[in-house]
All heavy atoms as atom14 arrays in JSON, in Angstrom:
{
  "sequence": "EEVGAETLLQRPLQNISGGEMQRVLLARALLREPDLLVLDEPIQG",
  "atom14_mask": [
    [1, 1, 1, 1, 1, 1, 1, 1, 1, 0, 0, 0, 0, 0],
    [1, 1, 1, 1, 1, 1, 1, 1, 1, 0, 0, 0, 0, 0],
    [1, 1, 1, 1, 1, 1, 1, 0, 0, 0, 0, 0, 0, 0],
    [1, 1, 1, 1, 0, 0, 0, 0, 0, 0, 0, 0, 0, 0],
    [1, 1, 1, 1, 1, 0, 0, 0, 0, 0, 0, 0, 0, 0],
    [1, 1, 1, 1, 1, 1, 1, 1, 1, 0, 0, 0, 0, 0],
    [1, 1, 1, 1, 1, 1, 1, 0, 0, 0, 0, 0, 0, 0],
    [1, 1, 1, 1, 1, 1, 1, 1, 0, 0, 0, 0, 0, 0],
    [1, 1, 1, 1, 1, 1, 1, 1, 0, 0, 0, 0, 0, 0],
    [1, 1, 1, 1, 1, 1, 1, 1, 1, 0, 0, 0, 0, 0],
    [1, 1, 1, 1, 1, 1, 1, 1, 1, 1, 1, 0, 0, 0],
    [1, 1, 1, 1, 1, 1, 1, 0, 0, 0, 0, 0, 0, 0],
    [1, 1, 1, 1, 1, 1, 1, 1, 0, 0, 0, 0, 0, 0],
    [1, 1, 1, 1, 1, 1, 1, 1, 1, 0, 0, 0, 0, 0],
    [1, 1, 1, 1, 1, 1, 1, 1, 0, 0, 0, 0, 0, 0],
    [1, 1, 1, 1, 1, 1, 1, 1, 0, 0, 0, 0, 0, 0],
    [1, 1, 1, 1, 1, 1, 0, 0, 0, 0, 0, 0, 0, 0],
    [1, 1, 1, 1, 0, 0, 0, 0, 0, 0, 0, 0, 0, 0],
    [1, 1, 1, 1, 0, 0, 0, 0, 0, 0, 0, 0, 0, 0],
    [1, 1, 1, 1, 1, 1, 1, 1, 1, 0, 0, 0, 0, 0],
    [1, 1, 1, 1, 1, 1, 1, 1, 0, 0, 0, 0, 0, 0],
    [1, 1, 1, 1, 1, 1, 1, 1, 1, 0, 0, 0, 0, 0],
    [1, 1, 1, 1, 1, 1, 1, 1, 1, 1, 1, 0, 0, 0],
    [1, 1, 1, 1, 1, 1, 1, 0, 0, 0, 0, 0, 0, 0],
    [1, 1, 1, 1, 1, 1, 1, 1, 0, 0, 0, 0, 0, 0],
    [1, 1, 1, 1, 1, 1, 1, 1, 0, 0, 0, 0, 0, 0],
    [1, 1, 1, 1, 1, 0, 0, 0, 0, 0, 0, 0, 0, 0],
    [1, 1, 1, 1, 1, 1, 1, 1, 1, 1, 1, 0, 0, 0],
    [1, 1, 1, 1, 1, 0, 0, 0, 0, 0, 0, 0, 0, 0],
    [1, 1, 1, 1, 1, 1, 1, 1, 0, 0, 0, 0, 0, 0],
    [1, 1, 1, 1, 1, 1, 1, 1, 0, 0, 0, 0, 0, 0],
    [1, 1, 1, 1, 1, 1, 1, 1, 1, 1, 1, 0, 0, 0],
    [1, 1, 1, 1, 1, 1, 1, 1, 1, 0, 0, 0, 0, 0],
    [1, 1, 1, 1, 1, 1, 1, 0, 0, 0, 0, 0, 0, 0],
    [1, 1, 1, 1, 1, 1, 1, 1, 0, 0, 0, 0, 0, 0],
    [1, 1, 1, 1, 1, 1, 1, 1, 0, 0, 0, 0, 0, 0],
    [1, 1, 1, 1, 1, 1, 1, 1, 0, 0, 0, 0, 0, 0],
    [1, 1, 1, 1, 1, 1, 1, 0, 0, 0, 0, 0, 0, 0],
    [1, 1, 1, 1, 1, 1, 1, 1, 0, 0, 0, 0, 0, 0],
    [1, 1, 1, 1, 1, 1, 1, 1, 0, 0, 0, 0, 0, 0],
    [1, 1, 1, 1, 1, 1, 1, 1, 1, 0, 0, 0, 0, 0],
    [1, 1, 1, 1, 1, 1, 1, 0, 0, 0, 0, 0, 0, 0],
    [1, 1, 1, 1, 1, 1, 1, 1, 0, 0, 0, 0, 0, 0],
    [1, 1, 1, 1, 1, 1, 1, 1, 1, 0, 0, 0, 0, 0],
    [1, 1, 1, 1, 0, 0, 0, 0, 0, 0, 0, 0, 0, 0]
  ],
  "atom14_positions": [
    [[84.32, 99.64, 108.22], [84.38, 98.4, 107.39], [83.8, 98.79, 105.95], [84.32, 98.35, 104.96], [83.39, 97.41, 107.99], [83.94, 96.72, 109.13], [82.91, 95.8, 109.84], [81.84, 95.63, 109.33], [83.37, 95.25, 110.91], [0.0, 0.0, 0.0], [0.0, 0.0, 0.0], [0.0, 0.0, 0.0], [0.0, 0.0, 0.0], [0.0, 0.0, 0.0]],
    [[82.75, 99.66, 105.9], [82.27, 100.12, 104.64], [83.4, 100.73, 103.73], [83.32, 100.62, 102.45], [81.1, 101.0, 104.74], [80.38, 101.48, 103.51], [79.12, 102.17, 103.57], [78.81, 102.53, 104.75], [78.49, 102.48, 102.6], [0.0, 0.0, 0.0], [0.0, 0.0, 0.0], [0.0, 0.0, 0.0], [0.0, 0.0, 0.0], [0.0, 0.0, 0.0]],
    [[84.25, 101.46, 104.25], [85.37, 102.11, 103.59], [86.6, 101.42, 103.5], [87.67, 101.91, 103.03], [85.42, 103.72, 103.98], [84.18, 104.39, 103.98], [86.01, 103.65, 105.54], [0.0, 0.0, 0.0], [0.0, 0.0, 0.0], [0.0, 0.0, 0.0], [0.0, 0.0, 0.0], [0.0, 0.0, 0.0], [0.0, 0.0, 0.0], [0.0, 0.0, 0.0]],
    [[86.65, 100.28, 104.01], [87.88, 99.41, 104.19], [88.93, 99.84, 105.04], [90.14, 99.72, 104.8], [0.0, 0.0, 0.0], [0.0, 0.0, 0.0], [0.0, 0.0, 0.0], [0.0, 0.0, 0.0], [0.0, 0.0, 0.0], [0.0, 0.0, 0.0], [0.0, 0.0, 0.0], [0.0, 0.0, 0.0], [0.0, 0.0, 0.0], [0.0, 0.0, 0.0]],
    [[88.4, 100.41, 106.19], [89.41, 100.88, 107.18], [89.23, 100.4, 108.55], [89.42, 101.09, 109.55], [89.37, 102.45, 107.14], [0.0, 0.0, 0.0], [0.0, 0.0, 0.0], [0.0, 0.0, 0.0], [0.0, 0.0, 0.0], [0.0, 0.0, 0.0], [0.0, 0.0, 0.0], [0.0, 0.0, 0.0], [0.0, 0.0, 0.0], [0.0, 0.0, 0.0]],
    [[88.64, 99.17, 108.66], [88.21, 98.75, 110.02], [89.45, 98.48, 110.97], [89.2, 98.48, 112.12], [87.43, 97.36, 109.79], [88.22, 96.2, 109.16], [88.05, 96.32, 107.61], [87.59, 97.37, 107.03], [88.36, 95.28, 106.99], [0.0, 0.0, 0.0], [0.0, 0.0, 0.0], [0.0, 0.0, 0.0], [0.0, 0.0, 0.0], [0.0, 0.0, 0.0]],
    [[90.69, 98.18, 110.4], [91.71, 97.98, 111.22], [92.24, 99.38, 111.85], [93.19, 99.28, 112.73], [92.97, 97.47, 110.46], [93.32, 98.38, 109.36], [92.53, 96.07, 109.74], [0.0, 0.0, 0.0], [0.0, 0.0, 0.0], [0.0, 0.0, 0.0], [0.0, 0.0, 0.0], [0.0, 0.0, 0.0], [0.0, 0.0, 0.0], [0.0, 0.0, 0.0]],
    [[91.68, 100.42, 111.58], [92.03, 101.66, 112.06], [91.37, 102.11, 113.37], [91.72, 103.3, 113.87], [92.0, 102.81, 110.98], [92.7, 102.59, 109.67], [92.46, 103.78, 108.84], [94.2, 102.55, 109.9], [0.0, 0.0, 0.0], [0.0, 0.0, 0.0], [0.0, 0.0, 0.0], [0.0, 0.0, 0.0], [0.0, 0.0, 0.0], [0.0, 0.0, 0.0]],
    [[90.54, 101.38, 113.77], [89.54, 101.83, 114.82], [90.21, 102.49, 115.98], [89.92, 103.59, 116.5], [88.82, 100.59, 115.34], [87.57, 100.92, 116.3], [86.45, 101.7, 115.73], [87.05, 99.65, 116.98], [0.0, 0.0, 0.0], [0.0, 0.0, 0.0], [0.0, 0.0, 0.0], [0.0, 0.0, 0.0], [0.0, 0.0, 0.0], [0.0, 0.0, 0.0]],
    [[91.33, 101.84, 116.68], [91.92, 102.3, 117.84], [93.23, 102.98, 117.55], [94.01, 103.23, 118.49], [92.06, 101.19, 118.77], [90.76, 100.63, 119.38], [89.92, 101.71, 120.01], [90.37, 102.64, 120.48], [88.66, 101.4, 119.83], [0.0, 0.0, 0.0], [0.0, 0.0, 0.0], [0.0, 0.0, 0.0], [0.0, 0.0, 0.0], [0.0, 0.0, 0.0]],
    [[93.53, 103.2, 116.3], [94.77, 103.94, 115.92], [94.69, 105.31, 116.28], [93.79, 106.03, 115.98], [95.13, 103.76, 114.42], [95.48, 102.25, 114.0], [96.95, 102.11, 113.98], [97.65, 102.98, 113.1], [97.81, 102.71, 111.73], [97.18, 101.52, 111.15], [98.39, 103.51, 110.99], [0.0, 0.0, 0.0], [0.0, 0.0, 0.0], [0.0, 0.0, 0.0]],
    [[95.92, 106.02, 116.83], [95.95, 107.4, 116.94], [95.59, 108.15, 115.56], [96.26, 107.66, 114.56], [97.3, 107.71, 117.4], [97.69, 106.47, 118.12], [97.03, 105.42, 117.21], [0.0, 0.0, 0.0], [0.0, 0.0, 0.0], [0.0, 0.0, 0.0], [0.0, 0.0, 0.0], [0.0, 0.0, 0.0], [0.0, 0.0, 0.0], [0.0, 0.0, 0.0]],
    [[94.82, 109.16, 115.41], [94.57, 109.79, 114.22], [95.87, 110.39, 113.54], [95.99, 110.53, 112.33], [93.49, 110.95, 114.45], [92.75, 111.35, 113.37], [91.87, 110.23, 112.82], [91.83, 112.52, 113.7], [0.0, 0.0, 0.0], [0.0, 0.0, 0.0], [0.0, 0.0, 0.0], [0.0, 0.0, 0.0], [0.0, 0.0, 0.0], [0.0, 0.0, 0.0]],
    [[96.74, 110.72, 114.31], [98.07, 111.29, 113.79], [98.87, 110.35, 113.14], [99.85, 110.71, 112.58], [98.79, 112.0, 114.94], [98.06, 113.18, 115.62], [97.06, 112.82, 116.78], [96.84, 111.64, 116.95], [96.71, 113.8, 117.56], [0.0, 0.0, 0.0], [0.0, 0.0, 0.0], [0.0, 0.0, 0.0], [0.0, 0.0, 0.0], [0.0, 0.0, 0.0]],
    [[98.72, 109.03, 113.52], [99.57, 108.02, 112.93], [99.06, 107.25, 111.71], [99.55, 106.2, 111.46], [99.85, 107.05, 114.1], [100.78, 107.62, 115.26], [101.22, 108.67, 115.05], [100.79, 106.88, 116.31], [0.0, 0.0, 0.0], [0.0, 0.0, 0.0], [0.0, 0.0, 0.0], [0.0, 0.0, 0.0], [0.0, 0.0, 0.0], [0.0, 0.0, 0.0]],
    [[98.09, 107.87, 111.16], [97.65, 107.17, 109.85], [98.06, 107.83, 108.7], [98.43, 109.08, 108.69], [96.02, 106.98, 109.9], [95.29, 108.34, 109.85], [95.6, 106.13, 111.15], [93.8, 108.24, 109.9], [0.0, 0.0, 0.0], [0.0, 0.0, 0.0], [0.0, 0.0, 0.0], [0.0, 0.0, 0.0], [0.0, 0.0, 0.0], [0.0, 0.0, 0.0]],
    [[98.0, 107.15, 107.56], [98.47, 107.71, 106.36], [97.51, 108.65, 105.61], [96.38, 108.7, 106.1], [98.87, 106.58, 105.24], [97.69, 106.01, 104.8], [0.0, 0.0, 0.0], [0.0, 0.0, 0.0], [0.0, 0.0, 0.0], [0.0, 0.0, 0.0], [0.0, 0.0, 0.0], [0.0, 0.0, 0.0], [0.0, 0.0, 0.0], [0.0, 0.0, 0.0]],
    [[97.96, 109.28, 104.65], [97.06, 110.27, 103.86], [95.81, 109.49, 103.38], [94.67, 109.93, 103.44], [0.0, 0.0, 0.0], [0.0, 0.0, 0.0], [0.0, 0.0, 0.0], [0.0, 0.0, 0.0], [0.0, 0.0, 0.0], [0.0, 0.0, 0.0], [0.0, 0.0, 0.0], [0.0, 0.0, 0.0], [0.0, 0.0, 0.0], [0.0, 0.0, 0.0]],
    [[96.16, 108.36, 102.76], [94.96, 107.49, 102.14], [94.09, 107.06, 103.18], [92.86, 106.96, 103.05], [0.0, 0.0, 0.0], [0.0, 0.0, 0.0], [0.0, 0.0, 0.0], [0.0, 0.0, 0.0], [0.0, 0.0, 0.0], [0.0, 0.0, 0.0], [0.0, 0.0, 0.0], [0.0, 0.0, 0.0], [0.0, 0.0, 0.0], [0.0, 0.0, 0.0]],
    [[94.59, 106.64, 104.4], [93.77, 106.2, 105.52], [92.95, 107.27, 105.97], [91.75, 107.09, 106.42], [94.74, 105.58, 106.58], [95.32, 104.29, 106.05], [96.36, 103.76, 107.11], [96.98, 104.64, 107.82], [96.65, 102.59, 107.1], [0.0, 0.0, 0.0], [0.0, 0.0, 0.0], [0.0, 0.0, 0.0], [0.0, 0.0, 0.0], [0.0, 0.0, 0.0]],
    [[93.54, 108.54, 106.21], [92.78, 109.66, 106.57], [91.6, 109.96, 105.69], [90.43, 110.22, 106.21], [93.65, 110.86, 106.66], [92.88, 112.16, 107.11], [92.22, 112.06, 108.77], [93.53, 112.47, 109.74], [0.0, 0.0, 0.0], [0.0, 0.0, 0.0], [0.0, 0.0, 0.0], [0.0, 0.0, 0.0], [0.0, 0.0, 0.0], [0.0, 0.0, 0.0]],
    [[91.83, 109.87, 104.4], [90.73, 110.12, 103.56], [89.55, 109.18, 103.66], [88.38, 109.44, 103.67], [91.14, 110.25, 102.01], [92.11, 111.31, 101.71], [91.68, 112.69, 102.15], [91.83, 113.12, 103.2], [90.89, 113.26, 101.15], [0.0, 0.0, 0.0], [0.0, 0.0, 0.0], [0.0, 0.0, 0.0], [0.0, 0.0, 0.0], [0.0, 0.0, 0.0]],
    [[89.88, 107.85, 103.92], [88.84, 106.91, 104.16], [88.1, 107.18, 105.58], [86.88, 106.87, 105.59], [89.47, 105.55, 104.18], [89.9, 105.08, 102.61], [90.54, 103.83, 102.65], [90.9, 103.37, 101.33], [90.16, 102.6, 100.47], [89.0, 102.07, 100.9], [90.63, 102.36, 99.21], [0.0, 0.0, 0.0], [0.0, 0.0, 0.0], [0.0, 0.0, 0.0]],
    [[88.86, 107.58, 106.47], [88.22, 107.97, 107.8], [87.26, 109.06, 107.63], [86.17, 109.08, 108.17], [89.27, 108.21, 108.92], [88.64, 108.73, 110.07], [90.11, 107.02, 109.19], [0.0, 0.0, 0.0], [0.0, 0.0, 0.0], [0.0, 0.0, 0.0], [0.0, 0.0, 0.0], [0.0, 0.0, 0.0], [0.0, 0.0, 0.0], [0.0, 0.0, 0.0]],
    [[87.76, 110.04, 106.97], [86.9, 111.27, 106.59], [85.62, 110.94, 105.89], [84.57, 111.36, 106.13], [87.65, 112.24, 105.93], [88.63, 113.09, 106.73], [89.45, 114.07, 105.8], [88.11, 113.84, 107.84], [0.0, 0.0, 0.0], [0.0, 0.0, 0.0], [0.0, 0.0, 0.0], [0.0, 0.0, 0.0], [0.0, 0.0, 0.0], [0.0, 0.0, 0.0]],
    [[85.8, 109.99, 104.92], [84.61, 109.45, 104.15], [83.65, 108.65, 105.07], [82.42, 108.85, 104.96], [85.15, 108.54, 103.05], [84.07, 108.0, 102.14], [83.22, 109.04, 101.45], [84.75, 107.11, 100.91], [0.0, 0.0, 0.0], [0.0, 0.0, 0.0], [0.0, 0.0, 0.0], [0.0, 0.0, 0.0], [0.0, 0.0, 0.0], [0.0, 0.0, 0.0]],
    [[84.28, 107.86, 105.87], [83.46, 107.08, 106.94], [82.62, 108.01, 107.71], [81.4, 107.77, 108.03], [84.32, 106.18, 107.84], [0.0, 0.0, 0.0], [0.0, 0.0, 0.0], [0.0, 0.0, 0.0], [0.0, 0.0, 0.0], [0.0, 0.0, 0.0], [0.0, 0.0, 0.0], [0.0, 0.0, 0.0], [0.0, 0.0, 0.0], [0.0, 0.0, 0.0]],
    [[83.21, 109.17, 108.26], [82.51, 110.1, 109.12], [81.46, 110.76, 108.3], [80.34, 110.89, 108.99], [83.53, 111.21, 109.53], [83.0, 112.13, 110.64], [84.08, 112.98, 111.06], [83.72, 113.69, 112.3], [83.23, 115.05, 112.26], [82.95, 115.55, 111.13], [83.01, 115.64, 113.38], [0.0, 0.0, 0.0], [0.0, 0.0, 0.0], [0.0, 0.0, 0.0]],
    [[81.53, 111.04, 107.07], [80.47, 111.56, 106.21], [79.38, 110.58, 106.11], [78.2, 111.04, 106.2], [81.03, 112.13, 104.92], [0.0, 0.0, 0.0], [0.0, 0.0, 0.0], [0.0, 0.0, 0.0], [0.0, 0.0, 0.0], [0.0, 0.0, 0.0], [0.0, 0.0, 0.0], [0.0, 0.0, 0.0], [0.0, 0.0, 0.0], [0.0, 0.0, 0.0]],
    [[79.72, 109.32, 105.83], [78.79, 108.26, 105.66], [77.84, 107.99, 106.93], [76.79, 107.47, 106.8], [79.3, 107.0, 105.14], [79.88, 107.05, 103.73], [80.67, 105.87, 103.41], [78.87, 107.25, 102.75], [0.0, 0.0, 0.0], [0.0, 0.0, 0.0], [0.0, 0.0, 0.0], [0.0, 0.0, 0.0], [0.0, 0.0, 0.0], [0.0, 0.0, 0.0]],
    [[78.42, 108.22, 108.11], [77.74, 107.93, 109.3], [76.54, 108.76, 109.58], [75.64, 108.43, 110.31], [78.77, 108.13, 110.64], [79.83, 107.06, 110.81], [80.81, 107.47, 111.9], [79.14, 105.74, 111.02], [0.0, 0.0, 0.0], [0.0, 0.0, 0.0], [0.0, 0.0, 0.0], [0.0, 0.0, 0.0], [0.0, 0.0, 0.0], [0.0, 0.0, 0.0]],
    [[76.32, 109.8, 108.73], [75.12, 110.64, 108.82], [74.03, 110.05, 107.86], [72.93, 110.67, 107.99], [75.47, 112.05, 108.28], [76.48, 112.97, 109.12], [76.72, 114.3, 108.59], [75.5, 114.98, 108.33], [74.81, 115.71, 109.11], [75.22, 115.75, 110.44], [73.75, 116.36, 108.83], [0.0, 0.0, 0.0], [0.0, 0.0, 0.0], [0.0, 0.0, 0.0]],
    [[74.31, 108.87, 107.4], [73.25, 108.33, 106.37], [72.79, 109.42, 105.41], [71.62, 109.58, 105.31], [72.11, 107.81, 107.31], [72.51, 106.64, 108.26], [72.84, 105.3, 107.54], [72.34, 105.18, 106.46], [73.66, 104.51, 108.12], [0.0, 0.0, 0.0], [0.0, 0.0, 0.0], [0.0, 0.0, 0.0], [0.0, 0.0, 0.0], [0.0, 0.0, 0.0]],
    [[73.69, 109.83, 104.73], [73.35, 110.97, 103.82], [72.63, 110.66, 102.52], [72.82, 109.6, 102.01], [74.72, 111.66, 103.41], [75.73, 110.54, 103.36], [75.2, 109.57, 104.61], [0.0, 0.0, 0.0], [0.0, 0.0, 0.0], [0.0, 0.0, 0.0], [0.0, 0.0, 0.0], [0.0, 0.0, 0.0], [0.0, 0.0, 0.0], [0.0, 0.0, 0.0]],
    [[71.65, 111.63, 102.17], [71.26, 111.53, 100.83], [72.12, 112.04, 99.72], [72.11, 111.65, 98.58], [69.78, 112.47, 100.81], [68.84, 111.91, 101.85], [68.44, 110.8, 101.82], [68.62, 112.8, 102.73], [0.0, 0.0, 0.0], [0.0, 0.0, 0.0], [0.0, 0.0, 0.0], [0.0, 0.0, 0.0], [0.0, 0.0, 0.0], [0.0, 0.0, 0.0]],
    [[72.92, 113.04, 100.25], [73.88, 113.68, 99.39], [75.19, 113.61, 100.04], [75.42, 114.05, 101.28], [73.43, 115.0, 99.07], [74.48, 115.96, 98.31], [74.78, 115.33, 96.86], [74.01, 117.25, 98.21], [0.0, 0.0, 0.0], [0.0, 0.0, 0.0], [0.0, 0.0, 0.0], [0.0, 0.0, 0.0], [0.0, 0.0, 0.0], [0.0, 0.0, 0.0]],
    [[76.33, 113.17, 99.34], [77.69, 113.19, 99.79], [78.36, 114.33, 99.08], [78.35, 114.33, 97.82], [78.39, 111.95, 99.37], [78.52, 110.88, 100.57], [79.2, 109.63, 99.95], [79.22, 111.34, 101.77], [0.0, 0.0, 0.0], [0.0, 0.0, 0.0], [0.0, 0.0, 0.0], [0.0, 0.0, 0.0], [0.0, 0.0, 0.0], [0.0, 0.0, 0.0]],
    [[79.02, 115.23, 99.74], [79.9, 116.32, 99.1], [81.22, 115.99, 99.47], [81.6, 116.02, 100.66], [79.38, 117.64, 99.63], [80.18, 118.78, 99.07], [77.81, 117.94, 99.3], [0.0, 0.0, 0.0], [0.0, 0.0, 0.0], [0.0, 0.0, 0.0], [0.0, 0.0, 0.0], [0.0, 0.0, 0.0], [0.0, 0.0, 0.0], [0.0, 0.0, 0.0]],
    [[82.07, 115.75, 98.5], [83.36, 115.39, 98.63], [84.33, 116.42, 98.06], [84.42, 116.53, 96.89], [83.72, 114.04, 98.01], [82.72, 112.82, 98.41], [83.09, 111.73, 97.69], [82.62, 112.63, 99.78], [0.0, 0.0, 0.0], [0.0, 0.0, 0.0], [0.0, 0.0, 0.0], [0.0, 0.0, 0.0], [0.0, 0.0, 0.0], [0.0, 0.0, 0.0]],
    [[85.06, 117.17, 98.95], [85.97, 118.1, 98.48], [87.38, 117.52, 98.34], [88.19, 117.32, 99.43], [86.04, 119.29, 99.48], [86.66, 120.55, 99.04], [87.25, 120.47, 97.83], [86.69, 121.68, 99.58], [0.0, 0.0, 0.0], [0.0, 0.0, 0.0], [0.0, 0.0, 0.0], [0.0, 0.0, 0.0], [0.0, 0.0, 0.0], [0.0, 0.0, 0.0]],
    [[87.87, 117.38, 97.16], [89.08, 116.94, 96.85], [89.36, 115.5, 97.59], [90.19, 115.37, 98.43], [90.27, 117.78, 97.21], [90.18, 119.09, 96.46], [90.71, 119.01, 94.96], [91.17, 117.95, 94.62], [90.66, 119.95, 94.17], [0.0, 0.0, 0.0], [0.0, 0.0, 0.0], [0.0, 0.0, 0.0], [0.0, 0.0, 0.0], [0.0, 0.0, 0.0]],
    [[88.6, 114.5, 97.29], [88.6, 113.3, 98.11], [89.88, 112.5, 97.98], [90.29, 111.76, 98.9], [87.44, 112.47, 97.59], [87.25, 113.01, 96.14], [87.49, 114.45, 96.33], [0.0, 0.0, 0.0], [0.0, 0.0, 0.0], [0.0, 0.0, 0.0], [0.0, 0.0, 0.0], [0.0, 0.0, 0.0], [0.0, 0.0, 0.0], [0.0, 0.0, 0.0]],
    [[90.81, 112.73, 97.0], [92.0, 112.05, 96.89], [93.22, 112.89, 97.24], [94.41, 112.49, 97.01], [92.2, 111.41, 95.46], [92.29, 112.54, 94.41], [91.16, 110.38, 95.14], [92.71, 111.96, 93.05], [0.0, 0.0, 0.0], [0.0, 0.0, 0.0], [0.0, 0.0, 0.0], [0.0, 0.0, 0.0], [0.0, 0.0, 0.0], [0.0, 0.0, 0.0]],
    [[92.96, 113.95, 98.05], [94.05, 114.88, 98.54], [95.06, 114.02, 99.38], [94.67, 113.41, 100.32], [93.47, 115.93, 99.45], [94.38, 116.97, 100.0], [94.66, 118.07, 98.92], [93.98, 118.16, 97.97], [95.69, 118.85, 99.26], [0.0, 0.0, 0.0], [0.0, 0.0, 0.0], [0.0, 0.0, 0.0], [0.0, 0.0, 0.0], [0.0, 0.0, 0.0]],
    [[96.27, 114.19, 98.92], [97.46, 113.49, 99.69], [97.41, 111.99, 99.63], [97.99, 111.35, 100.39], [0.0, 0.0, 0.0], [0.0, 0.0, 0.0], [0.0, 0.0, 0.0], [0.0, 0.0, 0.0], [0.0, 0.0, 0.0], [0.0, 0.0, 0.0], [0.0, 0.0, 0.0], [0.0, 0.0, 0.0], [0.0, 0.0, 0.0], [0.0, 0.0, 0.0]]
  ]
}
């Protein structure tokens, strides 16, 4: 929800778009409750 991708919860990972994948990867990084976010080419694809 924080990254605007709540509708993807049960979607197969292989069936999401490039932009959706980047939001999922960002959500995964945020789940660590980080002090520092390191984003390598966050708009790739």
